[in-house]
Structures are given as C-alpha cells and as structure tokens.
C-alpha cells in the first residue's frame, strides 16, 4: 500500500481504537502535507482492549512543523511520529508519549523495543518506574505473538550489533525492557 492521501488517512485512523478515531482523523489531516505519498507502507496488527488496530510500521515524513495543537490531537500526532523513518524523530515523539500511560498509546511505545536504535530503547528503560504496569500488562497479555516477535527482533539486533557492548544479553536495553513487561504480566 502506498501513502496516498486516502490511504494515509485510513492507516492513521486504523492505528487507534474507535474512541480515538476522531482525534486520529484530525491528527492525520494535520500530518498529511508532511507524509511522503510514495512511501510503501505496511502495518503491524495488535490488540488494544479487545479491539484490533493496525499500527503503521513506518511513515516517511518530509519535514514536519511543530504546530500548537489541542492536547489529545497532539498526543495522537506524537504516537504517529513514533513510526517515522527518522530515528531522532521517533525518539523525540516517544519522549512525549511515554508519560501518557493510555491503552491506545502503549503499542506505539512497546513496538519500539523491537527496533535497532538503542538510544530510543534506553529512554524506555529509564522510564520504567514512571510507567503504569496495569496498562502494559493488559497489552502484553492481549499481544503474546507480538511480544514474541519483538523479543526475537531484539535478540537479533543484540546478536548482530550490540553483543560487544552488552556481553550479557539480558542487559541489552530492548530485552531488559521487554523482560520487565513480561514480568509484570506473569
């Protein structure tokens, strides 16, 4: 799927539960001028409170202005920005959504644990004491297959790129973060 205007608007709406779709539509309309329409897109299916949502794997933004938005729409924009092709943008957006602890924001946080940018995952690991375990427990229990996939990816990135920096696999931030979530959910 490409990110033509209708496709991006649908993909952004599908990334959130029904009670957030209006905010998602508004946020998507604001982001639309900054989305590369030629970027091929796929999604990750996850469950949020019993409902399926489809999170974009990546969104290629072409520049992005920081407009003043009402709070809920700004939160949705930041969630979508965590899917950016730019790691610096993903990290900046993550820092905005980590304190939310809302069920609809959790997939945008957790999916980053299976990625390769260790600086982003370091931010997640440091934030663990401020996270609400209950909303993460619910996400983990509803998304066991996704959690296994994230652990597999984190293990692969550790093995390929970070084994020398983290000789003890369990100290690799992505695996440590995922392990903590699993401990909460057990």
C-alpha atoms as a PDB file:
ATOM      1  CA  UNK A   1       0.000   0.000   0.000  1.00  0.00           C
ATOM      2  CA  UNK A   2       1.293   3.470  -0.752  1.00  0.00           C
ATOM      3  CA  UNK A   3       0.533   6.511   1.340  1.00  0.00           C
ATOM      4  CA  UNK A   4      -1.689   8.438  -0.988  1.00  0.00           C
ATOM      5  CA  UNK A   5      -3.904  10.838   0.953  1.00  0.00           C
ATOM      6  CA  UNK A   6      -6.836   8.430   1.358  1.00  0.00           C
ATOM      7  CA  UNK A   7      -4.511   5.557   2.321  1.00  0.00           C
ATOM      8  CA  UNK A   8      -2.650   7.582   4.929  1.00  0.00           C
ATOM      9  CA  UNK A   9      -5.873   8.898   6.438  1.00  0.00           C
ATOM     10  CA  UNK A  10      -7.263   5.344   6.664  1.00  0.00           C
ATOM     11  CA  UNK A  11      -3.999   3.960   8.065  1.00  0.00           C
ATOM     12  CA  UNK A  12      -3.803   6.667  10.731  1.00  0.00           C
ATOM     13  CA  UNK A  13      -7.401   6.062  11.808  1.00  0.00           C
ATOM     14  CA  UNK A  14      -6.879   2.279  11.881  1.00  0.00           C
ATOM     15  CA  UNK A  15      -3.944   2.732  14.290  1.00  0.00           C
ATOM     16  CA  UNK A  16      -6.279   3.769  17.100  1.00  0.00           C
ATOM     17  CA  UNK A  17      -9.328   2.308  18.838  1.00  0.00           C
ATOM     18  CA  UNK A  18     -12.746   3.660  17.864  1.00  0.00           C
ATOM     19  CA  UNK A  19     -12.895   6.107  20.775  1.00  0.00           C
ATOM     20  CA  UNK A  20      -9.768   7.855  19.424  1.00  0.00           C
ATOM     21  CA  UNK A  21     -10.626   7.786  15.712  1.00  0.00           C
ATOM     22  CA  UNK A  22     -11.888  11.379  15.621  1.00  0.00           C
ATOM     23  CA  UNK A  23      -8.630  12.640  17.123  1.00  0.00           C
ATOM     24  CA  UNK A  24      -6.700  10.325  14.800  1.00  0.00           C
ATOM     25  CA  UNK A  25      -8.504  11.720  11.766  1.00  0.00           C
ATOM     26  CA  UNK A  26      -7.750  15.288  12.841  1.00  0.00           C
ATOM     27  CA  UNK A  27      -4.106  14.456  13.523  1.00  0.00           C
ATOM     28  CA  UNK A  28      -3.779  12.636  10.196  1.00  0.00           C
ATOM     29  CA  UNK A  29      -5.138  15.652   8.323  1.00  0.00           C
ATOM     30  CA  UNK A  30      -2.531  17.843  10.031  1.00  0.00           C
ATOM     31  CA  UNK A  31       0.273  15.397   9.189  1.00  0.00           C
ATOM     32  CA  UNK A  32      -0.845  14.691   5.627  1.00  0.00           C
ATOM     33  CA  UNK A  33       1.130  17.536   3.983  1.00  0.00           C
ATOM     34  CA  UNK A  34       4.298  16.114   5.574  1.00  0.00           C
ATOM     35  CA  UNK A  35       3.806  12.465   4.575  1.00  0.00           C
ATOM     36  CA  UNK A  36       5.689  11.097   1.574  1.00  0.00           C
ATOM     37  CA  UNK A  37       2.884   9.761  -0.658  1.00  0.00           C
ATOM     38  CA  UNK A  38       5.284   7.418  -2.487  1.00  0.00           C
ATOM     39  CA  UNK A  39       6.484   5.556   0.588  1.00  0.00           C
ATOM     40  CA  UNK A  40       5.272   1.955   0.600  1.00  0.00           C
ATOM     41  CA  UNK A  41       3.513   1.107   3.817  1.00  0.00           C
ATOM     42  CA  UNK A  42       2.656  -1.952   5.866  1.00  0.00           C
ATOM     43  CA  UNK A  43       1.181  -2.333   9.315  1.00  0.00           C
ATOM     44  CA  UNK A  44       1.503  -4.354  12.497  1.00  0.00           C
ATOM     45  CA  UNK A  45      -1.726  -5.795  13.898  1.00  0.00           C
ATOM     46  CA  UNK A  46      -2.099  -5.507  17.664  1.00  0.00           C
ATOM     47  CA  UNK A  47      -4.967  -5.724  20.118  1.00  0.00           C
ATOM     48  CA  UNK A  48      -5.953  -2.804  22.354  1.00  0.00           C
ATOM     49  CA  UNK A  49      -8.643  -3.603  24.901  1.00  0.00           C
ATOM     50  CA  UNK A  50     -10.007  -6.437  22.814  1.00  0.00           C
ATOM     51  CA  UNK A  51     -10.097  -4.476  19.552  1.00  0.00           C
ATOM     52  CA  UNK A  52      -7.725  -4.866  16.618  1.00  0.00           C
ATOM     53  CA  UNK A  53      -5.732  -1.859  15.488  1.00  0.00           C
ATOM     54  CA  UNK A  54      -3.169  -1.647  12.684  1.00  0.00           C
ATOM     55  CA  UNK A  55      -0.072   0.380  13.548  1.00  0.00           C
ATOM     56  CA  UNK A  56       1.993   1.617  10.569  1.00  0.00           C
ATOM     57  CA  UNK A  57       5.437   0.026  10.582  1.00  0.00           C
ATOM     58  CA  UNK A  58       6.982   3.234   9.239  1.00  0.00           C
ATOM     59  CA  UNK A  59       5.838   6.601   7.961  1.00  0.00           C
ATOM     60  CA  UNK A  60       8.204   8.704   5.894  1.00  0.00           C
ATOM     61  CA  UNK A  61       7.731  12.337   6.813  1.00  0.00           C
ATOM     62  CA  UNK A  62       9.125  15.091   4.607  1.00  0.00           C
ATOM     63  CA  UNK A  63       9.852  17.781   7.153  1.00  0.00           C
ATOM     64  CA  UNK A  64       7.452  18.365   9.971  1.00  0.00           C
ATOM     65  CA  UNK A  65       6.287  21.559  11.531  1.00  0.00           C
ATOM     66  CA  UNK A  66       5.542  21.752  15.220  1.00  0.00           C
ATOM     67  CA  UNK A  67       2.117  23.349  15.359  1.00  0.00           C
ATOM     68  CA  UNK A  68       0.307  24.167  18.568  1.00  0.00           C
ATOM     69  CA  UNK A  69      -2.410  21.541  18.911  1.00  0.00           C
ATOM     70  CA  UNK A  70      -5.034  20.725  21.468  1.00  0.00           C
ATOM     71  CA  UNK A  71      -3.687  18.080  23.843  1.00  0.00           C
ATOM     72  CA  UNK A  72      -5.422  14.925  22.629  1.00  0.00           C
ATOM     73  CA  UNK A  73      -4.678  15.620  18.967  1.00  0.00           C
ATOM     74  CA  UNK A  74      -1.049  16.442  19.846  1.00  0.00           C
ATOM     75  CA  UNK A  75      -0.769  13.086  21.647  1.00  0.00           C
ATOM     76  CA  UNK A  76      -2.070  11.252  18.590  1.00  0.00           C
ATOM     77  CA  UNK A  77       0.377  13.148  16.347  1.00  0.00           C
ATOM     78  CA  UNK A  78       3.244  12.101  18.643  1.00  0.00           C
ATOM     79  CA  UNK A  79       2.096   8.471  18.547  1.00  0.00           C
ATOM     80  CA  UNK A  80       2.175   8.513  14.745  1.00  0.00           C
ATOM     81  CA  UNK A  81       5.571  10.214  14.774  1.00  0.00           C
ATOM     82  CA  UNK A  82       6.995   7.212  16.680  1.00  0.00           C
ATOM     83  CA  UNK A  83       6.590   5.367  13.380  1.00  0.00           C
ATOM     84  CA  UNK A  84       8.810   7.822  11.484  1.00  0.00           C
ATOM     85  CA  UNK A  85      11.647   6.587   9.288  1.00  0.00           C
ATOM     86  CA  UNK A  86      13.866   9.059  11.196  1.00  0.00           C
ATOM     87  CA  UNK A  87      15.211   7.682  14.490  1.00  0.00           C
ATOM     88  CA  UNK A  88      15.669  11.139  16.002  1.00  0.00           C
ATOM     89  CA  UNK A  89      12.026  11.917  15.287  1.00  0.00           C
ATOM     90  CA  UNK A  90      10.926   8.567  16.761  1.00  0.00           C
ATOM     91  CA  UNK A  91      12.897   9.309  19.922  1.00  0.00           C
ATOM     92  CA  UNK A  92      11.513  12.836  20.312  1.00  0.00           C
ATOM     93  CA  UNK A  93       7.958  11.558  19.821  1.00  0.00           C
ATOM     94  CA  UNK A  94       8.489   8.717  22.282  1.00  0.00           C
ATOM     95  CA  UNK A  95       9.507  11.186  24.967  1.00  0.00           C
ATOM     96  CA  UNK A  96       6.135  12.897  24.531  1.00  0.00           C
ATOM     97  CA  UNK A  97       4.044   9.735  24.768  1.00  0.00           C
ATOM     98  CA  UNK A  98       5.866   7.752  27.471  1.00  0.00           C
ATOM     99  CA  UNK A  99       4.095   9.615  30.296  1.00  0.00           C
ATOM    100  CA  UNK A 100       0.631   9.060  28.764  1.00  0.00           C
ATOM    101  CA  UNK A 101       0.097   5.514  30.063  1.00  0.00           C
ATOM    102  CA  UNK A 102      -3.068   5.264  27.950  1.00  0.00           C
ATOM    103  CA  UNK A 103      -4.044   1.895  26.469  1.00  0.00           C
ATOM    104  CA  UNK A 104      -4.159   3.398  22.948  1.00  0.00           C
ATOM    105  CA  UNK A 105      -0.614   4.833  23.279  1.00  0.00           C
ATOM    106  CA  UNK A 106       1.022   1.643  24.590  1.00  0.00           C
ATOM    107  CA  UNK A 107       1.526  -0.092  21.201  1.00  0.00           C
ATOM    108  CA  UNK A 108       3.456   2.930  19.941  1.00  0.00           C
ATOM    109  CA  UNK A 109       5.829   2.579  22.893  1.00  0.00           C
ATOM    110  CA  UNK A 110       6.182  -1.201  23.030  1.00  0.00           C
ATOM    111  CA  UNK A 111       6.804  -1.667  19.298  1.00  0.00           C
ATOM    112  CA  UNK A 112       9.948   0.439  19.624  1.00  0.00           C
ATOM    113  CA  UNK A 113      11.506  -2.194  21.917  1.00  0.00           C
ATOM    114  CA  UNK A 114      11.998  -4.500  18.939  1.00  0.00           C
ATOM    115  CA  UNK A 115      13.949  -1.948  16.937  1.00  0.00           C
ATOM    116  CA  UNK A 116      17.651  -1.319  16.499  1.00  0.00           C
ATOM    117  CA  UNK A 117      18.148   2.244  17.829  1.00  0.00           C
ATOM    118  CA  UNK A 118      19.424   1.539  21.330  1.00  0.00           C
ATOM    119  CA  UNK A 119      19.226   5.203  22.380  1.00  0.00           C
ATOM    120  CA  UNK A 120      15.450   5.090  21.946  1.00  0.00           C
ATOM    121  CA  UNK A 121      15.195   1.911  23.969  1.00  0.00           C
ATOM    122  CA  UNK A 122      17.435   3.419  26.670  1.00  0.00           C
ATOM    123  CA  UNK A 123      14.789   6.131  27.122  1.00  0.00           C
ATOM    124  CA  UNK A 124      12.159   3.431  27.510  1.00  0.00           C
ATOM    125  CA  UNK A 125      14.200   1.509  30.056  1.00  0.00           C
ATOM    126  CA  UNK A 126      14.877   4.625  32.132  1.00  0.00           C
ATOM    127  CA  UNK A 127      11.152   5.442  32.121  1.00  0.00           C
ATOM    128  CA  UNK A 128      10.053   2.076  33.544  1.00  0.00           C
ATOM    129  CA  UNK A 129       9.454   3.419  37.099  1.00  0.00           C
ATOM    130  CA  UNK A 130       7.030   6.045  35.724  1.00  0.00           C
ATOM    131  CA  UNK A 131       5.026   3.605  33.614  1.00  0.00           C
ATOM    132  CA  UNK A 132       1.666   2.262  34.747  1.00  0.00           C
ATOM    133  CA  UNK A 133       2.216  -1.511  34.873  1.00  0.00           C
ATOM    134  CA  UNK A 134      -1.504  -2.280  34.589  1.00  0.00           C
ATOM    135  CA  UNK A 135      -1.932  -0.882  31.059  1.00  0.00           C
ATOM    136  CA  UNK A 136       1.253  -2.624  29.918  1.00  0.00           C
ATOM    137  CA  UNK A 137       0.124  -5.911  31.487  1.00  0.00           C
ATOM    138  CA  UNK A 138      -3.116  -5.713  29.538  1.00  0.00           C
ATOM    139  CA  UNK A 139      -1.241  -5.041  26.292  1.00  0.00           C
ATOM    140  CA  UNK A 140       1.242  -7.890  26.858  1.00  0.00           C
ATOM    141  CA  UNK A 141      -1.496 -10.395  27.677  1.00  0.00           C
ATOM    142  CA  UNK A 142      -3.513  -9.452  24.599  1.00  0.00           C
ATOM    143  CA  UNK A 143      -0.492  -9.500  22.278  1.00  0.00           C
ATOM    144  CA  UNK A 144       1.592 -12.573  23.141  1.00  0.00           C
ATOM    145  CA  UNK A 145       2.527 -13.230  19.484  1.00  0.00           C
ATOM    146  CA  UNK A 146       3.664  -9.627  19.012  1.00  0.00           C
ATOM    147  CA  UNK A 147       5.699  -9.810  22.221  1.00  0.00           C
ATOM    148  CA  UNK A 148       7.447 -12.988  20.983  1.00  0.00           C
ATOM    149  CA  UNK A 149       8.213 -11.270  17.686  1.00  0.00           C
ATOM    150  CA  UNK A 150       9.609  -8.195  19.474  1.00  0.00           C
ATOM    151  CA  UNK A 151      11.787 -10.383  21.719  1.00  0.00           C
ATOM    152  CA  UNK A 152      13.059 -12.242  18.649  1.00  0.00           C
ATOM    153  CA  UNK A 153      13.902  -8.982  16.871  1.00  0.00           C
ATOM    154  CA  UNK A 154      15.575  -7.507  19.946  1.00  0.00           C
ATOM    155  CA  UNK A 155      17.630 -10.678  20.313  1.00  0.00           C
ATOM    156  CA  UNK A 156      18.686 -10.479  16.669  1.00  0.00           C
ATOM    157  CA  UNK A 157      19.718  -6.829  16.986  1.00  0.00           C
ATOM    158  CA  UNK A 158      21.636  -7.608  20.170  1.00  0.00           C
ATOM    159  CA  UNK A 159      23.403 -10.518  18.471  1.00  0.00           C
ATOM    160  CA  UNK A 160      24.242  -8.602  15.293  1.00  0.00           C
ATOM    161  CA  UNK A 161      25.062  -5.107  16.583  1.00  0.00           C
ATOM    162  CA  UNK A 162      25.263  -4.939  20.367  1.00  0.00           C
ATOM    163  CA  UNK A 163      26.821  -8.172  21.645  1.00  0.00           C
ATOM    164  CA  UNK A 164      30.163  -6.448  22.275  1.00  0.00           C
ATOM    165  CA  UNK A 165      28.544  -3.537  24.161  1.00  0.00           C
ATOM    166  CA  UNK A 166      26.224  -5.816  26.158  1.00  0.00           C
ATOM    167  CA  UNK A 167      28.018  -9.176  26.626  1.00  0.00           C
ATOM    168  CA  UNK A 168      25.209 -10.273  28.933  1.00  0.00           C
ATOM    169  CA  UNK A 169      22.208 -10.495  26.609  1.00  0.00           C
ATOM    170  CA  UNK A 170      19.746  -9.707  29.404  1.00  0.00           C
ATOM    171  CA  UNK A 171      21.410  -6.311  29.925  1.00  0.00           C
ATOM    172  CA  UNK A 172      20.632  -5.213  26.361  1.00  0.00           C
ATOM    173  CA  UNK A 173      18.013  -2.427  26.810  1.00  0.00           C
ATOM    174  CA  UNK A 174      15.459  -3.855  24.367  1.00  0.00           C
ATOM    175  CA  UNK A 175      15.498  -7.252  26.030  1.00  0.00           C
ATOM    176  CA  UNK A 176      15.581  -5.757  29.532  1.00  0.00           C
ATOM    177  CA  UNK A 177      12.532  -3.601  28.750  1.00  0.00           C
ATOM    178  CA  UNK A 178      10.595  -6.500  27.236  1.00  0.00           C
ATOM    179  CA  UNK A 179      11.582  -8.753  30.140  1.00  0.00           C
ATOM    180  CA  UNK A 180      10.188  -6.238  32.626  1.00  0.00           C
ATOM    181  CA  UNK A 181       6.895  -6.081  30.745  1.00  0.00           C
ATOM    182  CA  UNK A 182       6.708  -9.878  30.741  1.00  0.00           C
ATOM    183  CA  UNK A 183       7.480  -9.967  34.479  1.00  0.00           C
ATOM    184  CA  UNK A 184       4.621  -7.556  35.140  1.00  0.00           C
ATOM    185  CA  UNK A 185       2.286  -9.708  33.053  1.00  0.00           C
ATOM    186  CA  UNK A 186       3.247 -13.050  34.633  1.00  0.00           C
END
